[in-house]
C-alpha atoms as a PDB file:
ATOM      1  CA  UNK A   1      21.390 -23.247   0.726  1.00  0.00           C
ATOM      2  CA  UNK A   2      19.583 -20.645  -1.311  1.00  0.00           C
ATOM      3  CA  UNK A   3      18.036 -17.910   0.652  1.00  0.00           C
ATOM      4  CA  UNK A   4      16.374 -15.956  -2.235  1.00  0.00           C
ATOM      5  CA  UNK A   5      12.938 -17.165  -1.525  1.00  0.00           C
ATOM      6  CA  UNK A   6      13.223 -16.468   2.238  1.00  0.00           C
ATOM      7  CA  UNK A   7      14.569 -12.954   1.566  1.00  0.00           C
ATOM      8  CA  UNK A   8      11.780 -12.150  -0.900  1.00  0.00           C
ATOM      9  CA  UNK A   9       9.167 -13.596   1.579  1.00  0.00           C
ATOM     10  CA  UNK A  10      10.549 -11.420   4.316  1.00  0.00           C
ATOM     11  CA  UNK A  11      10.628  -8.443   2.073  1.00  0.00           C
ATOM     12  CA  UNK A  12       7.058  -9.008   1.057  1.00  0.00           C
ATOM     13  CA  UNK A  13       5.878  -9.347   4.743  1.00  0.00           C
ATOM     14  CA  UNK A  14       7.645  -6.068   5.843  1.00  0.00           C
ATOM     15  CA  UNK A  15       6.386  -4.305   2.712  1.00  0.00           C
ATOM     16  CA  UNK A  16       2.696  -5.245   3.409  1.00  0.00           C
ATOM     17  CA  UNK A  17       3.209  -4.488   7.047  1.00  0.00           C
ATOM     18  CA  UNK A  18       4.373  -0.984   6.075  1.00  0.00           C
ATOM     19  CA  UNK A  19       1.527  -0.335   3.805  1.00  0.00           C
ATOM     20  CA  UNK A  20      -1.136  -1.156   6.395  1.00  0.00           C
ATOM     21  CA  UNK A  21      -0.523   1.940   8.625  1.00  0.00           C
ATOM     22  CA  UNK A  22       0.099   4.015   5.532  1.00  0.00           C
ATOM     23  CA  UNK A  23      -3.467   3.363   4.288  1.00  0.00           C
ATOM     24  CA  UNK A  24      -4.938   4.063   7.756  1.00  0.00           C
ATOM     25  CA  UNK A  25      -3.003   7.498   8.020  1.00  0.00           C
ATOM     26  CA  UNK A  26      -3.925   8.349   4.596  1.00  0.00           C
ATOM     27  CA  UNK A  27      -7.564   7.870   5.163  1.00  0.00           C
ATOM     28  CA  UNK A  28      -7.373   9.776   8.510  1.00  0.00           C
ATOM     29  CA  UNK A  29      -5.780  12.861   7.122  1.00  0.00           C
ATOM     30  CA  UNK A  30      -6.936  12.997   3.457  1.00  0.00           C
ATOM     31  CA  UNK A  31      -9.812  10.424   3.020  1.00  0.00           C
ATOM     32  CA  UNK A  32      -9.996   8.488  -0.160  1.00  0.00           C
ATOM     33  CA  UNK A  33      -8.783  11.338  -2.444  1.00  0.00           C
ATOM     34  CA  UNK A  34      -5.249  10.071  -2.699  1.00  0.00           C
ATOM     35  CA  UNK A  35      -6.277   6.827  -4.430  1.00  0.00           C
ATOM     36  CA  UNK A  36      -5.006   8.183  -7.736  1.00  0.00           C
ATOM     37  CA  UNK A  37      -1.531   8.531  -6.179  1.00  0.00           C
ATOM     38  CA  UNK A  38      -1.741   4.961  -5.081  1.00  0.00           C
ATOM     39  CA  UNK A  39      -2.570   3.927  -8.532  1.00  0.00           C
ATOM     40  CA  UNK A  40       0.299   5.894 -10.106  1.00  0.00           C
ATOM     41  CA  UNK A  41       2.767   4.459  -7.631  1.00  0.00           C
ATOM     42  CA  UNK A  42       1.354   1.050  -8.205  1.00  0.00           C
ATOM     43  CA  UNK A  43       1.680   1.211 -11.919  1.00  0.00           C
ATOM     44  CA  UNK A  44       5.175   2.761 -11.920  1.00  0.00           C
ATOM     45  CA  UNK A  45       6.525   0.258  -9.555  1.00  0.00           C
ATOM     46  CA  UNK A  46       5.052  -2.647 -11.381  1.00  0.00           C
ATOM     47  CA  UNK A  47       6.219  -1.333 -14.581  1.00  0.00           C
ATOM     48  CA  UNK A  48       9.771  -0.751 -13.366  1.00  0.00           C
ATOM     49  CA  UNK A  49       9.932  -4.270 -11.908  1.00  0.00           C
ATOM     50  CA  UNK A  50       9.677  -5.463 -15.461  1.00  0.00           C
ATOM     51  CA  UNK A  51      12.953  -3.656 -16.394  1.00  0.00           C
ATOM     52  CA  UNK A  52      15.099  -4.370 -13.401  1.00  0.00           C
ATOM     53  CA  UNK A  53      17.415  -7.334 -13.759  1.00  0.00           C
ATOM     54  CA  UNK A  54      18.291  -7.762  -9.973  1.00  0.00           C
ATOM     55  CA  UNK A  55      15.843 -10.213  -8.627  1.00  0.00           C
ATOM     56  CA  UNK A  56      15.572  -8.658  -5.069  1.00  0.00           C
ATOM     57  CA  UNK A  57      15.029  -5.133  -6.452  1.00  0.00           C
ATOM     58  CA  UNK A  58      12.549  -6.394  -9.026  1.00  0.00           C
ATOM     59  CA  UNK A  59      10.685  -8.396  -6.429  1.00  0.00           C
ATOM     60  CA  UNK A  60      10.551  -5.389  -4.109  1.00  0.00           C
ATOM     61  CA  UNK A  61       9.209  -3.160  -6.841  1.00  0.00           C
ATOM     62  CA  UNK A  62       6.598  -5.650  -7.740  1.00  0.00           C
ATOM     63  CA  UNK A  63       5.454  -6.316  -4.200  1.00  0.00           C
ATOM     64  CA  UNK A  64       5.549  -2.561  -3.412  1.00  0.00           C
ATOM     65  CA  UNK A  65       3.479  -1.719  -6.549  1.00  0.00           C
ATOM     66  CA  UNK A  66       1.114  -4.561  -5.932  1.00  0.00           C
ATOM     67  CA  UNK A  67       0.642  -3.325  -2.293  1.00  0.00           C
ATOM     68  CA  UNK A  68      -0.089   0.230  -3.704  1.00  0.00           C
ATOM     69  CA  UNK A  69      -2.744  -1.084  -5.936  1.00  0.00           C
ATOM     70  CA  UNK A  70      -4.265  -3.263  -3.262  1.00  0.00           C
ATOM     71  CA  UNK A  71      -4.137  -0.108  -1.021  1.00  0.00           C
ATOM     72  CA  UNK A  72      -6.616   1.573  -3.227  1.00  0.00           C
ATOM     73  CA  UNK A  73      -9.326  -0.837  -2.191  1.00  0.00           C
ATOM     74  CA  UNK A  74      -8.107  -0.774   1.428  1.00  0.00           C
ATOM     75  CA  UNK A  75      -8.577   2.991   1.419  1.00  0.00           C
ATOM     76  CA  UNK A  76     -12.342   2.678   0.654  1.00  0.00           C
ATOM     77  CA  UNK A  77     -12.744  -0.211   3.158  1.00  0.00           C
ATOM     78  CA  UNK A  78     -10.967   1.839   5.787  1.00  0.00           C
ATOM     79  CA  UNK A  79     -13.519   4.662   5.023  1.00  0.00           C
ATOM     80  CA  UNK A  80     -16.314   2.196   5.942  1.00  0.00           C
ATOM     81  CA  UNK A  81     -14.517   1.114   9.075  1.00  0.00           C
ATOM     82  CA  UNK A  82     -14.328   4.664  10.241  1.00  0.00           C
ATOM     83  CA  UNK A  83     -17.974   5.227   9.397  1.00  0.00           C
ATOM     84  CA  UNK A  84     -18.721   2.120  11.620  1.00  0.00           C
ATOM     85  CA  UNK A  85     -16.744   3.583  14.426  1.00  0.00           C
ATOM     86  CA  UNK A  86     -14.032   0.953  14.395  1.00  0.00           C
ATOM     87  CA  UNK A  87     -11.341   3.542  13.689  1.00  0.00           C
ATOM     88  CA  UNK A  88     -11.349   7.187  14.879  1.00  0.00           C
ATOM     89  CA  UNK A  89     -12.410  10.107  12.708  1.00  0.00           C
ATOM     90  CA  UNK A  90     -10.039  13.042  12.295  1.00  0.00           C
ATOM     91  CA  UNK A  91     -11.744  15.823  14.141  1.00  0.00           C
ATOM     92  CA  UNK A  92      -9.995  18.477  11.877  1.00  0.00           C
ATOM     93  CA  UNK A  93     -11.408  17.077   8.738  1.00  0.00           C
ATOM     94  CA  UNK A  94     -15.004  17.500   7.196  1.00  0.00           C
ATOM     95  CA  UNK A  95     -16.939  14.350   6.461  1.00  0.00           C
ATOM     96  CA  UNK A  96     -19.689  14.176   3.938  1.00  0.00           C
END
């Protein structure tokens, strides 16, 4: 049996699961300002995935980079969720 597909699927599931709380915490502490950092991480990881020969590492870099890029949109959606009261506001942060 070949387990490559299952391993990559598990890696993808875990990576996306890790990014969800990262986005929530980022918005809570810093708002949407770090979106540029997400963009740089995403581009770097996706670019690096093109040059890595190992299928597992290349897949991880691609999924991690794509998740970072997806996280940009989620940061702004999370901001709207906070405004609607679905998630708590950070009392130490100033909101506009």
